[in-house]
Amino acid sequence: MGLIGTLLVGLVVGAIAKLLMPGRQGGGIVITTLLGVAGALVATYAGQAVGWYAAGQGAGWIASILGAIVVLWVYGRFVKRSAG
């Protein structure tokens, strides 16, 4: 897929995760993209560890969004603690 495709998917996944997550999370487009890419990676490796995906197979859209929500939640906890 390449780097550009990965970043575009990350942007979409991160934006959907931010829309679904209650409350206000900081960060602009770069943070949203990075959280989306990280969520897709978390979903892929967790799915491979559990046996849902074969080696080299990526997570689907729904799993990537769920992974991004988890990463966004962790990010929100970390930012709140370091700011206060």
N, C-alpha and C. Protein backbone atom coordinates (compact mmCIF):
# COMPACT_ATOMS: atom_id res chain seq x y z
N MET A 1 0.82 -1.18 0.00
CA MET A 1 0.00 0.00 0.00
C MET A 1 0.87 1.25 0.00
N GLY A 2 1.98 1.24 0.61
CA GLY A 2 2.87 2.37 0.61
C GLY A 2 2.60 3.34 1.75
N LEU A 3 3.51 4.25 1.91
CA LEU A 3 3.44 5.20 3.01
C LEU A 3 2.25 6.15 2.87
N ILE A 4 2.01 6.65 1.68
CA ILE A 4 0.89 7.59 1.48
C ILE A 4 -0.44 6.90 1.78
N GLY A 5 -0.62 5.70 1.32
CA GLY A 5 -1.85 4.96 1.58
C GLY A 5 -2.03 4.67 3.06
N THR A 6 -0.94 4.32 3.73
CA THR A 6 -1.00 4.06 5.17
C THR A 6 -1.40 5.32 5.93
N LEU A 7 -0.84 6.45 5.55
CA LEU A 7 -1.18 7.70 6.21
C LEU A 7 -2.63 8.10 5.96
N LEU A 8 -3.13 7.88 4.75
CA LEU A 8 -4.52 8.20 4.45
C LEU A 8 -5.49 7.32 5.24
N VAL A 9 -5.17 6.02 5.30
CA VAL A 9 -6.00 5.12 6.10
C VAL A 9 -5.94 5.51 7.57
N GLY A 10 -4.74 5.85 8.05
CA GLY A 10 -4.58 6.30 9.43
C GLY A 10 -5.39 7.54 9.74
N LEU A 11 -5.42 8.47 8.79
CA LEU A 11 -6.20 9.69 8.98
C LEU A 11 -7.69 9.38 9.09
N VAL A 12 -8.18 8.53 8.21
CA VAL A 12 -9.60 8.17 8.24
C VAL A 12 -9.94 7.41 9.52
N VAL A 13 -9.13 6.43 9.87
CA VAL A 13 -9.38 5.62 11.07
C VAL A 13 -9.29 6.49 12.32
N GLY A 14 -8.29 7.35 12.39
CA GLY A 14 -8.15 8.24 13.55
C GLY A 14 -9.31 9.21 13.67
N ALA A 15 -9.77 9.75 12.54
CA ALA A 15 -10.90 10.69 12.57
C ALA A 15 -12.18 9.99 13.03
N ILE A 16 -12.41 8.78 12.54
CA ILE A 16 -13.60 8.03 12.97
C ILE A 16 -13.52 7.71 14.45
N ALA A 17 -12.34 7.32 14.93
CA ALA A 17 -12.17 7.01 16.35
C ALA A 17 -12.43 8.26 17.20
N LYS A 18 -11.96 9.42 16.75
CA LYS A 18 -12.20 10.65 17.50
C LYS A 18 -13.69 11.01 17.51
N LEU A 19 -14.37 10.74 16.42
CA LEU A 19 -15.81 11.01 16.38
C LEU A 19 -16.59 10.09 17.32
N LEU A 20 -16.15 8.84 17.44
CA LEU A 20 -16.85 7.87 18.27
C LEU A 20 -16.50 7.99 19.75
N MET A 21 -15.34 8.54 20.06
CA MET A 21 -14.87 8.64 21.44
C MET A 21 -15.53 9.84 22.12
N PRO A 22 -16.17 9.63 23.26
CA PRO A 22 -16.80 10.76 23.95
C PRO A 22 -15.77 11.71 24.53
N GLY A 23 -16.16 12.94 24.68
CA GLY A 23 -15.26 13.94 25.25
C GLY A 23 -14.44 14.62 24.18
N ARG A 24 -13.61 15.54 24.64
CA ARG A 24 -12.78 16.29 23.70
C ARG A 24 -11.33 15.85 23.84
N GLN A 25 -10.75 15.42 22.75
CA GLN A 25 -9.35 15.04 22.72
C GLN A 25 -8.61 16.11 21.95
N GLY A 26 -7.47 16.49 22.44
CA GLY A 26 -6.68 17.49 21.74
C GLY A 26 -6.01 16.90 20.51
N GLY A 27 -5.16 17.67 19.91
CA GLY A 27 -4.40 17.18 18.77
C GLY A 27 -5.02 17.58 17.45
N GLY A 28 -4.18 17.82 16.51
CA GLY A 28 -4.63 18.19 15.19
C GLY A 28 -4.60 17.02 14.23
N ILE A 29 -4.41 17.33 12.97
CA ILE A 29 -4.46 16.32 11.93
C ILE A 29 -3.29 15.34 12.04
N VAL A 30 -2.13 15.81 12.46
CA VAL A 30 -0.96 14.93 12.58
C VAL A 30 -1.18 13.92 13.70
N ILE A 31 -1.67 14.38 14.85
CA ILE A 31 -1.94 13.47 15.97
C ILE A 31 -3.03 12.48 15.60
N THR A 32 -4.06 12.95 14.91
CA THR A 32 -5.15 12.07 14.48
C THR A 32 -4.62 10.97 13.56
N THR A 33 -3.76 11.34 12.62
CA THR A 33 -3.20 10.36 11.69
C THR A 33 -2.32 9.36 12.43
N LEU A 34 -1.47 9.85 13.31
CA LEU A 34 -0.58 8.95 14.06
C LEU A 34 -1.37 8.00 14.96
N LEU A 35 -2.42 8.51 15.59
CA LEU A 35 -3.27 7.64 16.42
C LEU A 35 -3.98 6.59 15.58
N GLY A 36 -4.41 6.96 14.39
CA GLY A 36 -5.06 6.01 13.49
C GLY A 36 -4.12 4.92 13.02
N VAL A 37 -2.91 5.31 12.65
CA VAL A 37 -1.90 4.32 12.21
C VAL A 37 -1.54 3.41 13.38
N ALA A 38 -1.34 4.00 14.56
CA ALA A 38 -1.00 3.20 15.74
C ALA A 38 -2.14 2.25 16.09
N GLY A 39 -3.38 2.71 15.97
CA GLY A 39 -4.53 1.84 16.24
C GLY A 39 -4.61 0.67 15.28
N ALA A 40 -4.32 0.92 14.02
CA ALA A 40 -4.32 -0.17 13.04
C ALA A 40 -3.22 -1.18 13.35
N LEU A 41 -2.07 -0.69 13.77
CA LEU A 41 -0.98 -1.60 14.14
C LEU A 41 -1.32 -2.41 15.38
N VAL A 42 -1.92 -1.76 16.37
CA VAL A 42 -2.34 -2.47 17.59
C VAL A 42 -3.35 -3.55 17.23
N ALA A 43 -4.32 -3.22 16.41
CA ALA A 43 -5.34 -4.19 16.02
C ALA A 43 -4.73 -5.35 15.23
N THR A 44 -3.79 -5.04 14.36
CA THR A 44 -3.14 -6.10 13.56
C THR A 44 -2.37 -7.06 14.44
N TYR A 45 -1.51 -6.53 15.32
CA TYR A 45 -0.69 -7.41 16.15
C TYR A 45 -1.51 -8.14 17.21
N ALA A 46 -2.52 -7.49 17.76
CA ALA A 46 -3.39 -8.17 18.72
C ALA A 46 -4.18 -9.27 18.02
N GLY A 47 -4.68 -9.00 16.83
CA GLY A 47 -5.42 -10.01 16.08
C GLY A 47 -4.55 -11.19 15.68
N GLN A 48 -3.29 -10.93 15.33
CA GLN A 48 -2.38 -12.02 15.01
C GLN A 48 -2.04 -12.84 16.24
N ALA A 49 -1.91 -12.18 17.40
CA ALA A 49 -1.59 -12.88 18.64
C ALA A 49 -2.74 -13.79 19.08
N VAL A 50 -3.97 -13.35 18.83
CA VAL A 50 -5.14 -14.15 19.22
C VAL A 50 -5.46 -15.22 18.18
N GLY A 51 -4.97 -15.03 16.96
CA GLY A 51 -5.22 -16.00 15.91
C GLY A 51 -6.29 -15.60 14.93
N TRP A 52 -6.74 -14.34 14.99
CA TRP A 52 -7.77 -13.87 14.06
C TRP A 52 -7.19 -13.62 12.68
N TYR A 53 -5.93 -13.22 12.61
CA TYR A 53 -5.27 -12.90 11.35
C TYR A 53 -4.03 -13.75 11.20
N ALA A 54 -3.73 -14.10 9.95
CA ALA A 54 -2.51 -14.84 9.66
C ALA A 54 -1.33 -13.86 9.65
N ALA A 55 -0.13 -14.41 9.72
CA ALA A 55 1.06 -13.57 9.67
C ALA A 55 1.08 -12.80 8.35
N GLY A 56 1.33 -11.50 8.44
CA GLY A 56 1.36 -10.67 7.25
C GLY A 56 0.01 -10.12 6.84
N GLN A 57 -1.05 -10.55 7.49
CA GLN A 57 -2.39 -10.08 7.17
C GLN A 57 -2.73 -8.91 8.10
N GLY A 58 -3.25 -7.84 7.53
CA GLY A 58 -3.60 -6.65 8.31
C GLY A 58 -5.00 -6.73 8.87
N ALA A 59 -5.25 -5.88 9.84
CA ALA A 59 -6.58 -5.81 10.44
C ALA A 59 -7.54 -5.10 9.49
N GLY A 60 -8.80 -5.37 9.66
CA GLY A 60 -9.82 -4.71 8.86
C GLY A 60 -10.15 -3.33 9.40
N TRP A 61 -11.08 -2.67 8.75
CA TRP A 61 -11.45 -1.31 9.14
C TRP A 61 -12.02 -1.24 10.55
N ILE A 62 -12.93 -2.14 10.88
CA ILE A 62 -13.57 -2.09 12.19
C ILE A 62 -12.56 -2.35 13.30
N ALA A 63 -11.72 -3.35 13.12
CA ALA A 63 -10.70 -3.63 14.12
C ALA A 63 -9.71 -2.48 14.23
N SER A 64 -9.38 -1.85 13.12
CA SER A 64 -8.46 -0.71 13.15
C SER A 64 -9.08 0.47 13.91
N ILE A 65 -10.36 0.70 13.72
CA ILE A 65 -11.04 1.77 14.44
C ILE A 65 -11.08 1.46 15.94
N LEU A 66 -11.37 0.22 16.29
CA LEU A 66 -11.35 -0.16 17.70
C LEU A 66 -9.96 -0.01 18.30
N GLY A 67 -8.94 -0.40 17.55
CA GLY A 67 -7.57 -0.22 18.01
C GLY A 67 -7.23 1.25 18.19
N ALA A 68 -7.71 2.10 17.29
CA ALA A 68 -7.46 3.54 17.39
C ALA A 68 -8.19 4.13 18.60
N ILE A 69 -9.36 3.61 18.92
CA ILE A 69 -10.08 4.07 20.11
C ILE A 69 -9.28 3.73 21.37
N VAL A 70 -8.72 2.53 21.41
CA VAL A 70 -7.89 2.13 22.55
C VAL A 70 -6.67 3.04 22.66
N VAL A 71 -5.99 3.28 21.53
CA VAL A 71 -4.81 4.15 21.54
C VAL A 71 -5.21 5.57 21.94
N LEU A 72 -6.35 6.05 21.47
CA LEU A 72 -6.83 7.38 21.81
C LEU A 72 -7.14 7.48 23.30
N TRP A 73 -7.71 6.45 23.87
CA TRP A 73 -8.00 6.42 25.29
C TRP A 73 -6.71 6.49 26.11
N VAL A 74 -5.72 5.69 25.71
CA VAL A 74 -4.42 5.71 26.40
C VAL A 74 -3.76 7.08 26.23
N TYR A 75 -3.83 7.63 25.05
CA TYR A 75 -3.28 8.96 24.78
C TYR A 75 -3.95 10.01 25.67
N GLY A 76 -5.27 9.95 25.79
CA GLY A 76 -6.01 10.89 26.63
C GLY A 76 -5.61 10.79 28.10
N ARG A 77 -5.39 9.57 28.57
CA ARG A 77 -4.95 9.38 29.96
C ARG A 77 -3.56 9.96 30.17
N PHE A 78 -2.68 9.74 29.21
CA PHE A 78 -1.30 10.21 29.33
C PHE A 78 -1.24 11.74 29.27
N VAL A 79 -1.97 12.35 28.38
CA VAL A 79 -1.95 13.81 28.22
C VAL A 79 -2.56 14.48 29.46
N LYS A 80 -3.63 13.92 30.01
CA LYS A 80 -4.26 14.50 31.20
C LYS A 80 -3.31 14.47 32.40
N ARG A 81 -2.57 13.37 32.55
CA ARG A 81 -1.66 13.25 33.69
C ARG A 81 -0.47 14.19 33.56
N SER A 82 0.08 14.30 32.34
CA SER A 82 1.26 15.14 32.18
C SER A 82 0.90 16.62 32.23
N ALA A 83 -0.34 16.98 31.89
CA ALA A 83 -0.74 18.39 31.91
C ALA A 83 -1.10 18.84 33.33
N GLY A 84 -1.52 17.92 34.17
CA GLY A 84 -2.00 18.31 35.50
C GLY A 84 -1.05 17.97 36.54
